[in-house]
Amino acid sequence: MMVPVAIEPDEHQSRRALVLLALFVLGCAVVAAGAALGLGTVWQDVHEWVFARVAGDRAV
């Protein structure tokens, strides 16, 4: 039978710090993924624009 044990203040602060650290790391990962997707889309558009210009020059 498990008996509930009161969490000591130091342990509570340590657990809270770990939860905040985990949320911070998760937030950074979400922001990095969003930035990567956004930059990938921009790069694809720029690549298509440049390629159209270069291909147009060669066709003439």
C-alpha atoms as a PDB file:
ATOM      1  CA  MET A   1       0.000   0.000   0.000  1.00  0.00           C
ATOM      2  CA  MET A   2       1.404   3.372  -1.043  1.00  0.00           C
ATOM      3  CA  VAL A   3       1.343   6.195   1.448  1.00  0.00           C
ATOM      4  CA  PRO A   4       1.303   9.746   0.059  1.00  0.00           C
ATOM      5  CA  VAL A   5       4.347  11.705   1.127  1.00  0.00           C
ATOM      6  CA  ALA A   6       4.381  15.476   1.369  1.00  0.00           C
ATOM      7  CA  ILE A   7       6.742  17.102  -1.108  1.00  0.00           C
ATOM      8  CA  GLU A   8       9.429  19.149   0.562  1.00  0.00           C
ATOM      9  CA  PRO A   9       9.836  22.760  -0.597  1.00  0.00           C
ATOM     10  CA  ASP A  10      13.235  22.077  -2.196  1.00  0.00           C
ATOM     11  CA  GLU A  11      11.878  19.109  -4.113  1.00  0.00           C
ATOM     12  CA  HIS A  12       8.882  21.160  -5.260  1.00  0.00           C
ATOM     13  CA  GLN A  13      11.129  23.938  -6.565  1.00  0.00           C
ATOM     14  CA  SER A  14      13.352  21.413  -8.297  1.00  0.00           C
ATOM     15  CA  ARG A  15      10.376  19.761  -9.984  1.00  0.00           C
ATOM     16  CA  ARG A  16       8.991  23.164 -11.039  1.00  0.00           C
ATOM     17  CA  ALA A  17      12.372  24.136 -12.496  1.00  0.00           C
ATOM     18  CA  LEU A  18      12.510  20.894 -14.494  1.00  0.00           C
ATOM     19  CA  VAL A  19       8.989  21.421 -15.828  1.00  0.00           C
ATOM     20  CA  LEU A  20       9.833  24.990 -16.873  1.00  0.00           C
ATOM     21  CA  LEU A  21      13.044  23.795 -18.536  1.00  0.00           C
ATOM     22  CA  ALA A  22      11.139  21.104 -20.429  1.00  0.00           C
ATOM     23  CA  LEU A  23       8.550  23.665 -21.602  1.00  0.00           C
ATOM     24  CA  PHE A  24      11.318  26.033 -22.701  1.00  0.00           C
ATOM     25  CA  VAL A  25      13.074  23.309 -24.711  1.00  0.00           C
ATOM     26  CA  LEU A  26       9.777  22.229 -26.274  1.00  0.00           C
ATOM     27  CA  GLY A  27       8.975  25.838 -27.184  1.00  0.00           C
ATOM     28  CA  CYS A  28      12.398  26.276 -28.774  1.00  0.00           C
ATOM     29  CA  ALA A  29      11.874  23.115 -30.811  1.00  0.00           C
ATOM     30  CA  VAL A  30       8.491  24.343 -32.055  1.00  0.00           C
ATOM     31  CA  VAL A  31       9.926  27.738 -33.021  1.00  0.00           C
ATOM     32  CA  ALA A  32      12.885  26.086 -34.786  1.00  0.00           C
ATOM     33  CA  ALA A  33      10.578  23.782 -36.741  1.00  0.00           C
ATOM     34  CA  GLY A  34       8.376  26.695 -37.774  1.00  0.00           C
ATOM     35  CA  ALA A  35      11.390  28.737 -38.851  1.00  0.00           C
ATOM     36  CA  ALA A  36      12.770  25.821 -40.859  1.00  0.00           C
ATOM     37  CA  LEU A  37       9.463  25.345 -42.682  1.00  0.00           C
ATOM     38  CA  GLY A  38       9.142  29.061 -43.366  1.00  0.00           C
ATOM     39  CA  LEU A  39      12.700  29.435 -44.626  1.00  0.00           C
ATOM     40  CA  GLY A  40      12.326  26.293 -46.743  1.00  0.00           C
ATOM     41  CA  THR A  41       9.290  27.769 -48.449  1.00  0.00           C
ATOM     42  CA  VAL A  42      11.034  31.097 -49.054  1.00  0.00           C
ATOM     43  CA  TRP A  43      14.121  29.333 -50.406  1.00  0.00           C
ATOM     44  CA  GLN A  44      11.983  27.271 -52.791  1.00  0.00           C
ATOM     45  CA  ASP A  45      10.307  30.425 -54.135  1.00  0.00           C
ATOM     46  CA  VAL A  46      13.651  32.204 -54.554  1.00  0.00           C
ATOM     47  CA  HIS A  47      15.140  29.158 -56.283  1.00  0.00           C
ATOM     48  CA  GLU A  48      12.237  28.972 -58.742  1.00  0.00           C
ATOM     49  CA  TRP A  49      12.507  32.711 -59.470  1.00  0.00           C
ATOM     50  CA  VAL A  50      16.274  32.534 -60.066  1.00  0.00           C
ATOM     51  CA  PHE A  51      15.996  29.358 -62.147  1.00  0.00           C
ATOM     52  CA  ALA A  52      13.309  30.970 -64.342  1.00  0.00           C
ATOM     53  CA  ARG A  53      15.596  33.963 -64.943  1.00  0.00           C
ATOM     54  CA  VAL A  54      18.612  31.793 -65.805  1.00  0.00           C
ATOM     55  CA  ALA A  55      16.598  29.432 -68.028  1.00  0.00           C
ATOM     56  CA  GLY A  56      15.024  32.457 -69.761  1.00  0.00           C
ATOM     57  CA  ASP A  57      18.464  33.891 -70.528  1.00  0.00           C
ATOM     58  CA  ARG A  58      19.646  30.631 -72.091  1.00  0.00           C
ATOM     59  CA  ALA A  59      16.514  30.294 -74.237  1.00  0.00           C
ATOM     60  CA  VAL A  60      17.167  33.607 -75.963  1.00  0.00           C
END
